[in-house]
Amino acid sequence: MIPILALLRESWLTLRAERLFKVVLALNILVVFAYASLGFDKTGFFIFYGAWHYENEFIYSGSPLATTLYLSIYSAFIVNIWLGWIAAILALISTSSIFPTFLSQGAVELVLSRPPRRSTVFLTKYAGGLLWVGLQVCVFTIGAFLASGWRIGLWDPAIFLAIPLITLFYSFLFCINVLVGVITRSTLVALLATMVFWSTTFAIRQADDLIASRQFANQFQIAQIETRIGELLQTRAKIEFDGSSRALDDIDDQLARQHDRIDDALETSELLDPWAVWISRVRAIVPETARTIGLLQRSLERHTDISFTDLMTGKAFEEDDEQAIAEEMAYGEDDEDTRRWQERAQRRRASMEATMEREQAVPAWWIITKSLIFECVVLCGAILIFRRRDF
């Protein structure tokens, strides 16, 4: 037990001595101060502690939108962008040298001469590397907890879920870093390999989301066209009863165009379906970095009447905004351009809502379990190499 504690203490001292550790810690505090600078009053909201004030009929002190906006800025933007990207990259730069340095400077021989087994030494060093992220996120989360309590009166312990979730997210990347570091003993190669792996998972996730979004939009478009065809058939039946051949020709032309559109949409679906299946199978293997962080948003939304999805799609402000804009454009009710414009706007909203609902429907246990399985497989490989290598 004493050697293990000594290894953990060594990791802590190494991290504390890192200049980058102190720089990121200071930046975390700065980001928290910036987050706390956003506040609300009876007429609207202000930023930078009142330096700029904006009146708003939707966002003001005590409004549901104010709570949703403040929590969403924390979970969907600051945590995702700052902790999920910038701070994570800085953490990788700082911790990539842990195993290569440990293996290349003779320190490993001294450690292995003591009683702990190699696997114990490996896991202790691995846990020591995760201290970097855990300590940084802990400081950041405490500040965010105090800021949300001060600004919106919400003292929600769920904010602290950022600590285990961000640490888990980082461990999915760090395991690759460690594996490559044990194999090559090179800090630079380990860092580059991790960045390539991270970029690959990002590309897979983006491809899956884009294809799913296009599928949802295509399905909604087919439903719109079918509805329009039904309307045209009803109109044609009335005109046929009245006996106007010129109007019938116009309706037949419109019906032909609608059938061409639905044929194109069905052809697009046939092209997208195989790609969607292939991408979803690949995504089922790689760890869910973004979805792991996204679990924080799910937990915080239980306090809000308006979801982040409603905020992003515009439903929180006005249900019929597309119709209102169309009326402002002074188009006629039956104008074909107006109809097409409205259909495209409805498809965009429906696609965005369906995509977000698809993310919310993925169970948390599946996100974490399959990602941990991936991490365990990678770590088992790294431990096997570490145990069999001669030092």
Protein backbone atom coordinates (compact mmCIF):
# COMPACT_ATOMS: atom_id res chain seq x y z
CA MET A 1 0.00 0.00 0.00
CA ILE A 2 2.83 2.38 0.86
CA PRO A 3 4.46 2.08 -2.62
CA ILE A 4 1.09 2.79 -4.24
CA LEU A 5 0.59 5.91 -2.15
CA ALA A 6 4.14 6.93 -2.99
CA LEU A 7 3.35 6.61 -6.70
CA LEU A 8 0.20 8.68 -6.31
CA ARG A 9 2.11 11.30 -4.35
CA GLU A 10 4.75 11.38 -7.05
CA SER A 11 2.04 11.94 -9.68
CA TRP A 12 0.55 14.77 -7.64
CA LEU A 13 3.92 16.46 -7.14
CA THR A 14 4.67 16.13 -10.85
CA LEU A 15 1.35 17.67 -11.79
CA ARG A 16 1.72 20.48 -9.28
CA ALA A 17 5.16 21.30 -10.67
CA GLU A 18 3.79 21.53 -14.23
CA ARG A 19 3.49 25.14 -15.37
CA LEU A 20 0.68 24.16 -17.72
CA PHE A 21 -1.28 22.77 -14.77
CA LYS A 22 -1.18 26.17 -13.07
CA VAL A 23 -2.01 28.02 -16.28
CA VAL A 24 -5.11 25.90 -16.94
CA LEU A 25 -6.15 26.21 -13.30
CA ALA A 26 -6.00 29.99 -13.64
CA LEU A 27 -7.94 29.84 -16.90
CA ASN A 28 -10.62 27.70 -15.23
CA ILE A 29 -11.06 30.36 -12.57
CA LEU A 30 -11.21 33.04 -15.27
CA VAL A 31 -13.92 31.14 -17.18
CA VAL A 32 -15.96 30.78 -13.98
CA PHE A 33 -15.73 34.52 -13.35
CA ALA A 34 -16.92 35.15 -16.91
CA TYR A 35 -19.81 32.69 -16.42
CA ALA A 36 -20.80 34.40 -13.18
CA SER A 37 -20.83 37.79 -14.95
CA LEU A 38 -24.09 36.86 -16.70
CA GLY A 39 -27.15 37.81 -14.67
CA PHE A 40 -30.83 38.66 -14.92
CA ASP A 41 -33.17 41.38 -13.66
CA LYS A 42 -36.86 42.19 -14.07
CA THR A 43 -36.45 43.68 -17.55
CA GLY A 44 -33.88 41.41 -19.17
CA PHE A 45 -30.32 40.22 -18.72
CA PHE A 46 -26.82 41.68 -18.42
CA ILE A 47 -23.26 40.50 -18.99
CA PHE A 48 -19.88 41.37 -17.47
CA TYR A 49 -21.47 42.27 -14.14
CA GLY A 50 -23.77 44.90 -15.64
CA ALA A 51 -21.41 46.45 -18.18
CA TRP A 52 -23.95 45.67 -20.92
CA HIS A 53 -27.67 45.34 -20.30
CA TYR A 54 -30.28 44.00 -22.74
CA GLU A 55 -34.04 44.19 -22.31
CA ASN A 56 -35.87 41.03 -23.35
CA GLU A 57 -39.49 39.94 -23.01
CA PHE A 58 -38.56 36.26 -22.76
CA ILE A 59 -35.35 36.22 -20.71
CA TYR A 60 -35.55 37.97 -17.35
CA SER A 61 -35.16 37.18 -13.67
CA GLY A 62 -37.38 34.30 -12.62
CA SER A 63 -38.44 33.29 -16.15
CA PRO A 64 -38.16 29.63 -17.22
CA LEU A 65 -36.00 30.67 -20.16
CA ALA A 66 -33.49 32.35 -17.85
CA THR A 67 -32.94 29.11 -15.93
CA THR A 68 -32.71 27.04 -19.13
CA LEU A 69 -30.32 29.51 -20.75
CA TYR A 70 -28.02 29.77 -17.74
CA LEU A 71 -27.77 26.02 -17.22
CA SER A 72 -27.40 25.39 -20.95
CA ILE A 73 -24.51 27.86 -21.20
CA TYR A 74 -22.79 25.84 -18.48
CA SER A 75 -23.52 22.31 -19.70
CA ALA A 76 -23.87 22.66 -23.47
CA PHE A 77 -21.28 25.33 -24.20
CA ILE A 78 -18.73 25.92 -21.44
CA VAL A 79 -18.40 22.26 -20.44
CA ASN A 80 -18.46 21.06 -24.06
CA ILE A 81 -16.17 23.68 -25.56
CA TRP A 82 -13.86 24.57 -22.69
CA LEU A 83 -13.58 21.34 -20.68
CA GLY A 84 -14.48 19.04 -23.57
CA TRP A 85 -12.04 20.51 -26.08
CA ILE A 86 -9.58 23.20 -25.01
CA ALA A 87 -8.82 21.98 -21.48
CA ALA A 88 -8.81 18.36 -22.71
CA ILE A 89 -6.17 19.16 -25.35
CA LEU A 90 -4.04 20.94 -22.76
CA ALA A 91 -4.45 17.96 -20.44
CA LEU A 92 -3.28 15.58 -23.15
CA ILE A 93 -0.23 17.76 -23.79
CA SER A 94 0.57 17.73 -20.09
CA THR A 95 -0.04 14.04 -19.36
CA SER A 96 1.26 12.45 -22.56
CA SER A 97 4.76 12.31 -21.11
CA ILE A 98 3.81 10.32 -18.00
CA PHE A 99 4.37 6.81 -19.33
CA PRO A 100 7.08 7.53 -21.93
CA THR A 101 9.12 9.38 -19.29
CA PHE A 102 8.46 6.67 -16.74
CA LEU A 103 9.70 3.99 -19.15
CA SER A 104 12.67 5.78 -20.64
CA GLN A 105 14.52 7.36 -17.73
CA GLY A 106 15.22 4.33 -15.56
CA ALA A 107 12.48 5.16 -13.06
CA VAL A 108 10.55 2.04 -13.94
CA GLU A 109 13.38 -0.27 -12.84
CA LEU A 110 13.48 1.38 -9.43
CA VAL A 111 9.72 1.12 -8.98
CA LEU A 112 9.53 -2.51 -10.14
CA SER A 113 12.17 -3.50 -7.65
CA ARG A 114 9.61 -2.87 -4.93
CA PRO A 115 6.81 -5.28 -3.93
CA PRO A 116 3.86 -4.00 -6.11
CA ARG A 117 3.03 -6.01 -9.20
CA ARG A 118 3.48 -4.47 -12.62
CA SER A 119 -0.27 -4.25 -13.25
CA THR A 120 -0.69 -2.39 -9.94
CA VAL A 121 2.07 0.03 -10.85
CA PHE A 122 0.53 0.59 -14.27
CA LEU A 123 -2.98 1.29 -12.94
CA THR A 124 -1.61 3.58 -10.23
CA LYS A 125 0.27 5.66 -12.79
CA TYR A 126 -2.84 5.69 -14.96
CA ALA A 127 -4.98 6.95 -12.09
CA GLY A 128 -2.33 9.55 -11.35
CA GLY A 129 -2.65 10.84 -14.91
CA LEU A 130 -6.41 11.25 -14.48
CA LEU A 131 -5.75 13.45 -11.45
CA TRP A 132 -4.93 16.28 -13.87
CA VAL A 133 -8.46 16.43 -15.22
CA GLY A 134 -10.22 15.54 -11.97
CA LEU A 135 -8.62 18.40 -10.03
CA GLN A 136 -9.19 20.95 -12.78
CA VAL A 137 -12.85 20.02 -13.25
CA CYS A 138 -13.40 20.00 -9.48
CA VAL A 139 -12.26 23.62 -9.16
CA PHE A 140 -14.31 24.65 -12.19
CA THR A 141 -17.47 22.87 -11.00
CA ILE A 142 -17.36 24.41 -7.53
CA GLY A 143 -17.24 27.84 -9.15
CA ALA A 144 -20.14 27.02 -11.51
CA PHE A 145 -22.21 25.68 -8.58
CA LEU A 146 -21.74 28.94 -6.66
CA ALA A 147 -22.47 31.02 -9.78
CA SER A 148 -25.77 29.24 -10.55
CA GLY A 149 -26.89 29.56 -6.95
CA TRP A 150 -26.09 33.26 -6.95
CA ARG A 151 -27.58 34.14 -10.34
CA ILE A 152 -30.68 31.92 -10.64
CA GLY A 153 -31.07 30.61 -7.10
CA LEU A 154 -30.49 26.99 -8.13
CA TRP A 155 -28.26 25.00 -5.79
CA ASP A 156 -28.31 21.78 -7.74
CA PRO A 157 -25.76 19.08 -6.78
CA ALA A 158 -26.22 17.61 -10.28
CA ILE A 159 -23.79 20.29 -11.48
CA PHE A 160 -21.05 18.22 -9.81
CA LEU A 161 -21.78 15.37 -12.24
CA ALA A 162 -19.37 17.23 -14.51
CA ILE A 163 -16.48 15.88 -12.40
CA PRO A 164 -17.01 12.13 -13.06
CA LEU A 165 -18.38 12.68 -16.58
CA ILE A 166 -15.48 14.84 -17.79
CA THR A 167 -12.99 12.51 -16.12
CA LEU A 168 -14.62 9.54 -17.85
CA PHE A 169 -14.60 11.37 -21.16
CA TYR A 170 -10.90 12.14 -20.79
CA SER A 171 -10.08 8.56 -19.77
CA PHE A 172 -11.47 7.33 -23.10
CA LEU A 173 -8.76 9.38 -24.81
CA PHE A 174 -6.06 8.88 -22.21
CA CYS A 175 -6.19 5.08 -22.54
CA ILE A 176 -5.16 5.41 -26.20
CA ASN A 177 -2.43 7.82 -25.19
CA VAL A 178 -1.11 5.36 -22.63
CA LEU A 179 -1.23 2.37 -24.99
CA VAL A 180 0.75 4.17 -27.69
CA GLY A 181 3.12 5.60 -25.06
CA VAL A 182 3.88 2.13 -23.68
CA ILE A 183 4.46 0.75 -27.18
CA THR A 184 6.60 3.58 -28.60
CA ARG A 185 7.98 5.27 -25.46
CA SER A 186 7.50 8.54 -27.35
CA THR A 187 5.50 11.45 -25.94
CA LEU A 188 5.01 13.06 -29.35
CA VAL A 189 3.81 9.87 -31.04
CA ALA A 190 1.43 9.14 -28.17
CA LEU A 191 -0.01 12.66 -28.36
CA LEU A 192 -0.41 12.58 -32.15
CA ALA A 193 -2.00 9.11 -32.07
CA THR A 194 -4.51 10.30 -29.46
CA MET A 195 -5.40 13.37 -31.51
CA VAL A 196 -5.89 11.22 -34.61
CA PHE A 197 -8.10 8.82 -32.66
CA TRP A 198 -10.12 11.72 -31.21
CA SER A 199 -10.54 13.25 -34.67
CA THR A 200 -11.68 9.88 -36.01
CA THR A 201 -14.34 9.48 -33.32
CA PHE A 202 -15.47 13.05 -33.99
CA ALA A 203 -15.74 12.36 -37.73
CA ILE A 204 -17.71 9.15 -37.12
CA ARG A 205 -20.08 10.94 -34.77
CA GLN A 206 -20.59 13.85 -37.17
CA ALA A 207 -21.22 11.52 -40.10
CA ASP A 208 -23.77 9.54 -38.09
CA ASP A 209 -25.55 12.69 -36.94
CA LEU A 210 -25.58 14.26 -40.41
CA ILE A 211 -26.94 11.12 -42.06
CA ALA A 212 -29.60 10.75 -39.35
CA SER A 213 -30.56 14.41 -39.72
CA ARG A 214 -30.83 14.02 -43.50
CA GLN A 215 -32.95 10.89 -43.06
CA PHE A 216 -35.32 12.69 -40.70
CA ALA A 217 -35.60 15.63 -43.11
CA ASN A 218 -36.20 13.26 -46.00
CA GLN A 219 -38.92 11.37 -44.13
CA PHE A 220 -40.62 14.64 -43.22
CA GLN A 221 -40.36 15.82 -46.83
CA ILE A 222 -42.04 12.64 -48.08
CA ALA A 223 -44.86 13.18 -45.59
CA GLN A 224 -45.22 16.80 -46.76
CA ILE A 225 -45.34 15.78 -50.43
CA GLU A 226 -47.92 13.07 -49.73
CA THR A 227 -50.07 15.63 -47.93
CA ARG A 228 -49.70 18.05 -50.83
CA ILE A 229 -50.63 15.34 -53.33
CA GLY A 230 -53.76 14.60 -51.32
CA GLU A 231 -54.71 18.30 -51.37
CA LEU A 232 -54.14 18.52 -55.12
CA LEU A 233 -56.26 15.41 -55.74
CA GLN A 234 -59.12 16.92 -53.76
CA THR A 235 -58.77 20.17 -55.71
CA ARG A 236 -58.68 18.24 -58.99
CA ALA A 237 -61.87 16.39 -58.09
CA LYS A 238 -63.67 19.69 -57.48
CA ILE A 239 -62.34 21.26 -60.69
CA GLU A 240 -63.23 18.14 -62.69
CA PHE A 241 -66.76 18.41 -61.37
CA ASP A 242 -66.90 22.06 -62.52
CA GLY A 243 -65.48 21.09 -65.95
CA SER A 244 -62.56 23.58 -66.30
CA SER A 245 -60.01 21.84 -68.55
CA ARG A 246 -57.37 24.60 -68.24
CA ALA A 247 -57.38 24.37 -64.46
CA LEU A 248 -57.20 20.59 -64.73
CA ASP A 249 -54.04 20.84 -66.84
CA ASP A 250 -52.45 23.09 -64.22
CA ILE A 251 -53.33 20.67 -61.42
CA ASP A 252 -51.98 17.73 -63.44
CA ASP A 253 -48.70 19.60 -63.95
CA GLN A 254 -48.44 20.19 -60.21
CA LEU A 255 -49.21 16.56 -59.48
CA ALA A 256 -46.51 15.44 -61.90
CA ARG A 257 -43.98 17.71 -60.18
CA GLN A 258 -44.96 16.38 -56.76
CA HIS A 259 -44.59 12.78 -57.93
CA ASP A 260 -41.14 13.61 -59.32
CA ARG A 261 -40.21 15.12 -55.94
CA ILE A 262 -41.37 12.07 -54.03
CA ASP A 263 -39.43 9.79 -56.40
CA ASP A 264 -36.29 11.84 -55.75
CA ALA A 265 -36.86 11.70 -51.98
CA LEU A 266 -37.36 7.91 -52.06
CA GLU A 267 -34.19 7.53 -54.12
CA THR A 268 -32.29 9.59 -51.55
CA SER A 269 -33.59 7.34 -48.78
CA GLU A 270 -32.37 4.26 -50.61
CA LEU A 271 -28.90 5.82 -50.90
CA LEU A 272 -28.74 6.92 -47.25
CA ASP A 273 -29.98 3.73 -45.57
CA PRO A 274 -26.88 1.54 -46.23
CA TRP A 275 -24.55 4.32 -45.10
CA ALA A 276 -26.61 4.85 -41.95
CA VAL A 277 -26.36 1.16 -41.03
CA TRP A 278 -22.60 1.05 -41.64
CA ILE A 279 -21.86 4.26 -39.71
CA SER A 280 -24.06 3.20 -36.77
CA ARG A 281 -22.17 -0.11 -36.51
CA VAL A 282 -18.82 1.68 -36.47
CA ARG A 283 -20.09 4.14 -33.87
CA ALA A 284 -21.21 1.26 -31.68
CA ILE A 285 -17.53 0.27 -31.29
CA VAL A 286 -15.85 3.58 -30.51
CA PRO A 287 -16.32 5.35 -27.15
CA GLU A 288 -19.00 8.03 -26.84
CA THR A 289 -17.01 11.12 -25.90
CA ALA A 290 -19.63 13.77 -26.73
CA ARG A 291 -22.60 11.79 -25.46
CA THR A 292 -20.83 11.18 -22.14
CA ILE A 293 -20.54 14.93 -21.60
CA GLY A 294 -24.11 15.39 -22.86
CA LEU A 295 -25.44 13.37 -19.92
CA LEU A 296 -24.85 16.46 -17.77
CA GLN A 297 -27.38 18.42 -19.84
CA ARG A 298 -29.98 15.69 -19.37
CA SER A 299 -29.60 15.80 -15.61
CA LEU A 300 -29.81 19.59 -15.35
CA GLU A 301 -32.91 19.84 -17.57
CA ARG A 302 -35.09 18.18 -14.96
CA HIS A 303 -35.36 21.58 -13.23
CA THR A 304 -36.56 23.45 -16.32
CA ASP A 305 -39.98 23.64 -17.97
CA ILE A 306 -38.33 24.54 -21.28
CA SER A 307 -35.74 22.16 -22.66
CA PHE A 308 -32.52 22.98 -24.46
CA THR A 309 -34.08 21.44 -27.59
CA ASP A 310 -36.93 23.98 -27.45
CA LEU A 311 -34.38 26.75 -27.01
CA MET A 312 -32.28 25.66 -29.98
CA THR A 313 -35.20 25.03 -32.35
CA GLY A 314 -36.99 28.28 -31.48
CA LYS A 315 -40.12 26.64 -30.07
CA ALA A 316 -39.48 28.37 -26.75
CA PHE A 317 -40.05 31.78 -28.34
CA GLU A 318 -42.76 31.31 -30.92
CA GLU A 319 -44.51 28.24 -32.22
CA ASP A 320 -45.50 29.68 -35.58
CA ASP A 321 -42.47 31.82 -36.40
CA GLU A 322 -42.20 30.52 -39.97
CA GLN A 323 -45.80 31.53 -40.71
CA ALA A 324 -45.26 34.93 -39.12
CA ILE A 325 -42.17 35.59 -41.23
CA ALA A 326 -43.98 34.43 -44.36
CA GLU A 327 -46.79 36.90 -43.66
CA GLU A 328 -44.28 39.69 -43.18
CA MET A 329 -42.89 38.85 -46.63
CA ALA A 330 -46.38 39.67 -47.99
CA TYR A 331 -46.72 36.55 -50.11
CA GLY A 332 -50.08 35.25 -51.18
CA GLU A 333 -51.60 32.36 -49.27
CA ASP A 334 -51.42 30.00 -52.24
CA ASP A 335 -48.11 31.24 -53.62
CA GLU A 336 -45.91 28.25 -54.57
CA ASP A 337 -42.70 29.98 -53.40
CA THR A 338 -44.25 30.66 -49.99
CA ARG A 339 -45.35 27.05 -49.70
CA ARG A 340 -41.87 25.76 -50.58
CA TRP A 341 -40.25 28.19 -48.15
CA GLN A 342 -42.54 27.12 -45.34
CA GLU A 343 -41.96 23.44 -46.11
CA ARG A 344 -38.17 23.91 -45.94
CA ALA A 345 -38.46 25.79 -42.63
CA GLN A 346 -40.68 23.08 -41.18
CA ARG A 347 -38.26 20.38 -42.36
CA ARG A 348 -35.31 22.13 -40.72
CA ARG A 349 -37.13 22.41 -37.42
CA ALA A 350 -38.50 18.87 -37.54
CA SER A 351 -35.07 17.49 -38.45
CA MET A 352 -33.37 19.35 -35.61
CA GLU A 353 -35.98 18.22 -33.10
CA ALA A 354 -35.81 14.61 -34.27
CA THR A 355 -32.01 14.61 -34.12
CA MET A 356 -31.98 15.97 -30.58
CA GLU A 357 -34.70 13.55 -29.50
CA ARG A 358 -32.61 10.74 -30.99
CA GLU A 359 -29.69 11.77 -28.77
CA GLN A 360 -31.92 11.96 -25.70
CA ALA A 361 -33.30 8.48 -26.43
CA VAL A 362 -29.89 6.78 -26.10
CA PRO A 363 -29.78 5.26 -22.57
CA ALA A 364 -27.10 6.59 -20.22
CA TRP A 365 -26.12 3.07 -19.19
CA TRP A 366 -25.40 2.18 -22.82
CA ILE A 367 -23.28 5.28 -23.40
CA ILE A 368 -21.10 4.67 -20.36
CA THR A 369 -20.98 0.87 -20.46
CA LYS A 370 -19.88 0.47 -24.07
CA SER A 371 -17.31 3.25 -23.69
CA LEU A 372 -15.89 1.64 -20.54
CA ILE A 373 -15.70 -1.71 -22.32
CA PHE A 374 -13.61 -0.06 -25.05
CA GLU A 375 -11.36 1.54 -22.43
CA CYS A 376 -10.92 -1.75 -20.55
CA VAL A 377 -9.93 -3.58 -23.75
CA VAL A 378 -7.35 -0.91 -24.57
CA LEU A 379 -5.97 -0.87 -21.02
CA CYS A 380 -5.75 -4.67 -20.92
CA GLY A 381 -3.62 -4.53 -24.06
CA ALA A 382 -1.41 -1.83 -22.56
CA ILE A 383 -1.02 -3.77 -19.29
CA LEU A 384 -0.15 -6.94 -21.19
CA ILE A 385 2.62 -5.12 -23.09
CA PHE A 386 3.82 -3.41 -19.90
CA ARG A 387 4.01 -6.70 -17.97
CA ARG A 388 5.87 -8.60 -20.69
CA ARG A 389 8.38 -5.91 -21.56
CA ASP A 390 11.92 -6.22 -20.29
CA PHE A 391 13.24 -3.18 -18.43
